[in-house]
Amino acid sequence: MTVLDRYFELSDRATADEQAFHELVELFAEEAEVQPSGARKVVGKDAIANLYRQFFQSYSGMQRVWTTRRTENGLEAIWAIAGKRDSGELFAMQGRHIAEVDAQGKIYALEVHVSKAN
């Protein structure tokens, strides 16, 4: 299992499980960068924790499927997700994550690309 597979497993539980949320944040290096799709890049573990906390407060009941492969510079996951917004509206998205991993196995750069959403 790769760190990106662990990221997705923990992401599915982190909405309702505080321990999973903390484990998710610990997958990132201290000065990691996350580039969310269509939003400003965040840098540092604290900023990343805030980003994911906001995301998980806005969505619930997410179900995700993905496949991960190794690339020349790290990992890539193609994914699809369905869930419920805090408004009660259902949503579905698909896209990919591109991760670069340091020598300790921590994510130090993550790009999120959404290709379809409703």
C-alpha atoms as a PDB file:
ATOM      1  CA  MET A   1       0.000   0.000   0.000  1.00  0.00           C
ATOM      2  CA  THR A   2       1.315   3.438  -0.906  1.00  0.00           C
ATOM      3  CA  VAL A   3       1.061   6.623   1.153  1.00  0.00           C
ATOM      4  CA  LEU A   4      -1.499   7.865  -1.394  1.00  0.00           C
ATOM      5  CA  ASP A   5      -3.655   4.760  -0.849  1.00  0.00           C
ATOM      6  CA  ARG A   6      -3.474   5.406   2.902  1.00  0.00           C
ATOM      7  CA  TYR A   7      -4.410   9.055   2.236  1.00  0.00           C
ATOM      8  CA  PHE A   8      -7.611   7.990   0.466  1.00  0.00           C
ATOM      9  CA  GLU A   9      -8.521   5.376   3.081  1.00  0.00           C
ATOM     10  CA  LEU A  10      -8.126   7.923   5.884  1.00  0.00           C
ATOM     11  CA  SER A  11      -9.945  10.633   3.897  1.00  0.00           C
ATOM     12  CA  ASP A  12     -13.023   8.425   3.677  1.00  0.00           C
ATOM     13  CA  ARG A  13     -13.081   8.070   7.482  1.00  0.00           C
ATOM     14  CA  ALA A  14     -11.823  11.518   8.532  1.00  0.00           C
ATOM     15  CA  THR A  15     -15.236  13.229   8.303  1.00  0.00           C
ATOM     16  CA  ALA A  16     -16.517  11.308  11.331  1.00  0.00           C
ATOM     17  CA  ASP A  17     -13.309   9.960  12.915  1.00  0.00           C
ATOM     18  CA  GLU A  18     -10.943  12.424  14.617  1.00  0.00           C
ATOM     19  CA  GLN A  19      -8.163   9.828  14.895  1.00  0.00           C
ATOM     20  CA  ALA A  20      -8.338   9.218  11.128  1.00  0.00           C
ATOM     21  CA  PHE A  21      -8.156  12.972  10.564  1.00  0.00           C
ATOM     22  CA  HIS A  22      -4.963  13.249  12.639  1.00  0.00           C
ATOM     23  CA  GLU A  23      -3.432  10.234  10.896  1.00  0.00           C
ATOM     24  CA  LEU A  24      -4.262  11.831   7.538  1.00  0.00           C
ATOM     25  CA  VAL A  25      -2.469  15.071   8.453  1.00  0.00           C
ATOM     26  CA  GLU A  26       0.549  13.052   9.666  1.00  0.00           C
ATOM     27  CA  LEU A  27       0.997  11.642   6.147  1.00  0.00           C
ATOM     28  CA  PHE A  28       2.343  15.085   5.144  1.00  0.00           C
ATOM     29  CA  ALA A  29       5.864  16.442   5.652  1.00  0.00           C
ATOM     30  CA  GLU A  30       6.131  19.518   7.925  1.00  0.00           C
ATOM     31  CA  GLU A  31       6.566  21.957   5.016  1.00  0.00           C
ATOM     32  CA  ALA A  32       4.428  20.075   2.498  1.00  0.00           C
ATOM     33  CA  GLU A  33       2.463  21.887  -0.198  1.00  0.00           C
ATOM     34  CA  VAL A  34      -1.066  21.066  -1.355  1.00  0.00           C
ATOM     35  CA  GLN A  35      -2.455  22.603  -4.529  1.00  0.00           C
ATOM     36  CA  PRO A  36      -6.247  22.153  -4.420  1.00  0.00           C
ATOM     37  CA  SER A  37      -8.097  22.196  -7.718  1.00  0.00           C
ATOM     38  CA  GLY A  38      -9.146  25.758  -8.512  1.00  0.00           C
ATOM     39  CA  ALA A  39      -7.854  27.202  -5.242  1.00  0.00           C
ATOM     40  CA  ARG A  40      -4.761  28.737  -3.700  1.00  0.00           C
ATOM     41  CA  LYS A  41      -1.826  26.504  -2.708  1.00  0.00           C
ATOM     42  CA  VAL A  42      -1.400  25.876   1.016  1.00  0.00           C
ATOM     43  CA  VAL A  43       1.996  25.307   2.615  1.00  0.00           C
ATOM     44  CA  GLY A  44       2.815  23.643   5.935  1.00  0.00           C
ATOM     45  CA  LYS A  45       1.144  20.944   7.977  1.00  0.00           C
ATOM     46  CA  ASP A  46      -1.014  23.402   9.993  1.00  0.00           C
ATOM     47  CA  ALA A  47      -2.396  25.022   6.830  1.00  0.00           C
ATOM     48  CA  ILE A  48      -3.008  21.589   5.332  1.00  0.00           C
ATOM     49  CA  ALA A  49      -4.894  20.506   8.465  1.00  0.00           C
ATOM     50  CA  ASN A  50      -7.086  23.632   8.207  1.00  0.00           C
ATOM     51  CA  LEU A  51      -7.741  22.976   4.509  1.00  0.00           C
ATOM     52  CA  TYR A  52      -8.896  19.418   5.160  1.00  0.00           C
ATOM     53  CA  ARG A  53     -10.880  20.383   8.266  1.00  0.00           C
ATOM     54  CA  GLN A  54     -12.889  22.861   6.141  1.00  0.00           C
ATOM     55  CA  PHE A  55     -13.366  20.278   3.397  1.00  0.00           C
ATOM     56  CA  PHE A  56     -14.626  17.601   5.785  1.00  0.00           C
ATOM     57  CA  GLN A  57     -17.002  20.064   7.473  1.00  0.00           C
ATOM     58  CA  SER A  58     -18.589  20.799   4.083  1.00  0.00           C
ATOM     59  CA  TYR A  59     -19.074  17.202   2.925  1.00  0.00           C
ATOM     60  CA  SER A  60     -20.216  13.947   4.511  1.00  0.00           C
ATOM     61  CA  GLY A  61     -20.957  10.349   3.660  1.00  0.00           C
ATOM     62  CA  MET A  62     -18.278  10.220   0.999  1.00  0.00           C
ATOM     63  CA  GLN A  63     -17.593   7.049  -0.922  1.00  0.00           C
ATOM     64  CA  ARG A  64     -14.454   6.936  -3.035  1.00  0.00           C
ATOM     65  CA  VAL A  65     -12.858   4.508  -5.451  1.00  0.00           C
ATOM     66  CA  TRP A  66      -9.350   4.961  -6.830  1.00  0.00           C
ATOM     67  CA  THR A  67      -6.391   3.331  -8.462  1.00  0.00           C
ATOM     68  CA  THR A  68      -2.797   4.324  -7.716  1.00  0.00           C
ATOM     69  CA  ARG A  69       0.324   3.963  -9.808  1.00  0.00           C
ATOM     70  CA  ARG A  70       3.954   4.893  -9.313  1.00  0.00           C
ATOM     71  CA  THR A  71       5.359   7.618 -11.565  1.00  0.00           C
ATOM     72  CA  GLU A  72       8.866   8.869 -12.249  1.00  0.00           C
ATOM     73  CA  ASN A  73       8.478  11.560  -9.551  1.00  0.00           C
ATOM     74  CA  GLY A  74       6.134   9.859  -7.089  1.00  0.00           C
ATOM     75  CA  LEU A  75       2.549   8.630  -7.244  1.00  0.00           C
ATOM     76  CA  GLU A  76      -0.620   9.310  -9.205  1.00  0.00           C
ATOM     77  CA  ALA A  77      -4.155   8.282  -8.252  1.00  0.00           C
ATOM     78  CA  ILE A  78      -7.187   8.393 -10.518  1.00  0.00           C
ATOM     79  CA  TRP A  79     -10.356   8.623  -8.409  1.00  0.00           C
ATOM     80  CA  ALA A  80     -14.112   9.044  -8.331  1.00  0.00           C
ATOM     81  CA  ILE A  81     -16.146  10.167  -5.329  1.00  0.00           C
ATOM     82  CA  ALA A  82     -19.793  10.556  -4.378  1.00  0.00           C
ATOM     83  CA  GLY A  83     -21.138  12.173  -1.236  1.00  0.00           C
ATOM     84  CA  LYS A  84     -23.415  14.722   0.363  1.00  0.00           C
ATOM     85  CA  ARG A  85     -22.788  18.444   0.823  1.00  0.00           C
ATOM     86  CA  ASP A  86     -23.655  20.019   4.167  1.00  0.00           C
ATOM     87  CA  SER A  87     -26.734  21.475   2.396  1.00  0.00           C
ATOM     88  CA  GLY A  88     -28.019  17.906   1.876  1.00  0.00           C
ATOM     89  CA  GLU A  89     -27.373  18.030  -1.881  1.00  0.00           C
ATOM     90  CA  LEU A  90     -25.698  14.962  -3.418  1.00  0.00           C
ATOM     91  CA  PHE A  91     -22.565  15.373  -5.524  1.00  0.00           C
ATOM     92  CA  ALA A  92     -20.149  13.327  -7.623  1.00  0.00           C
ATOM     93  CA  MET A  93     -16.628  14.145  -8.865  1.00  0.00           C
ATOM     94  CA  GLN A  94     -13.733  12.496 -10.560  1.00  0.00           C
ATOM     95  CA  GLY A  95     -10.139  13.494 -11.013  1.00  0.00           C
ATOM     96  CA  ARG A  96      -6.586  12.694 -10.051  1.00  0.00           C
ATOM     97  CA  HIS A  97      -4.039  13.399  -7.338  1.00  0.00           C
ATOM     98  CA  ILE A  98      -0.337  13.714  -8.113  1.00  0.00           C
ATOM     99  CA  ALA A  99       1.938  13.250  -5.098  1.00  0.00           C
ATOM    100  CA  GLU A 100       5.652  13.631  -4.533  1.00  0.00           C
ATOM    101  CA  VAL A 101       6.982  11.700  -1.545  1.00  0.00           C
ATOM    102  CA  ASP A 102      10.121  12.347   0.514  1.00  0.00           C
ATOM    103  CA  ALA A 103      12.689   9.797   1.729  1.00  0.00           C
ATOM    104  CA  GLN A 104      10.658   9.256   4.950  1.00  0.00           C
ATOM    105  CA  GLY A 105       7.577   8.310   2.927  1.00  0.00           C
ATOM    106  CA  LYS A 106       5.753  11.582   3.695  1.00  0.00           C
ATOM    107  CA  ILE A 107       3.855  13.563   1.067  1.00  0.00           C
ATOM    108  CA  TYR A 108       5.713  16.815   0.420  1.00  0.00           C
ATOM    109  CA  ALA A 109       3.780  17.969  -2.669  1.00  0.00           C
ATOM    110  CA  LEU A 110       0.212  17.130  -3.668  1.00  0.00           C
ATOM    111  CA  GLU A 111      -1.728  18.434  -6.656  1.00  0.00           C
ATOM    112  CA  VAL A 112      -5.486  17.843  -6.846  1.00  0.00           C
ATOM    113  CA  HIS A 113      -7.119  17.897 -10.278  1.00  0.00           C
ATOM    114  CA  VAL A 114     -10.884  17.624 -10.720  1.00  0.00           C
ATOM    115  CA  SER A 115     -11.926  16.658 -14.241  1.00  0.00           C
ATOM    116  CA  LYS A 116     -15.692  16.285 -13.726  1.00  0.00           C
ATOM    117  CA  ALA A 117     -17.957  17.558 -10.984  1.00  0.00           C
ATOM    118  CA  ASN A 118     -21.639  18.163 -10.341  1.00  0.00           C
END
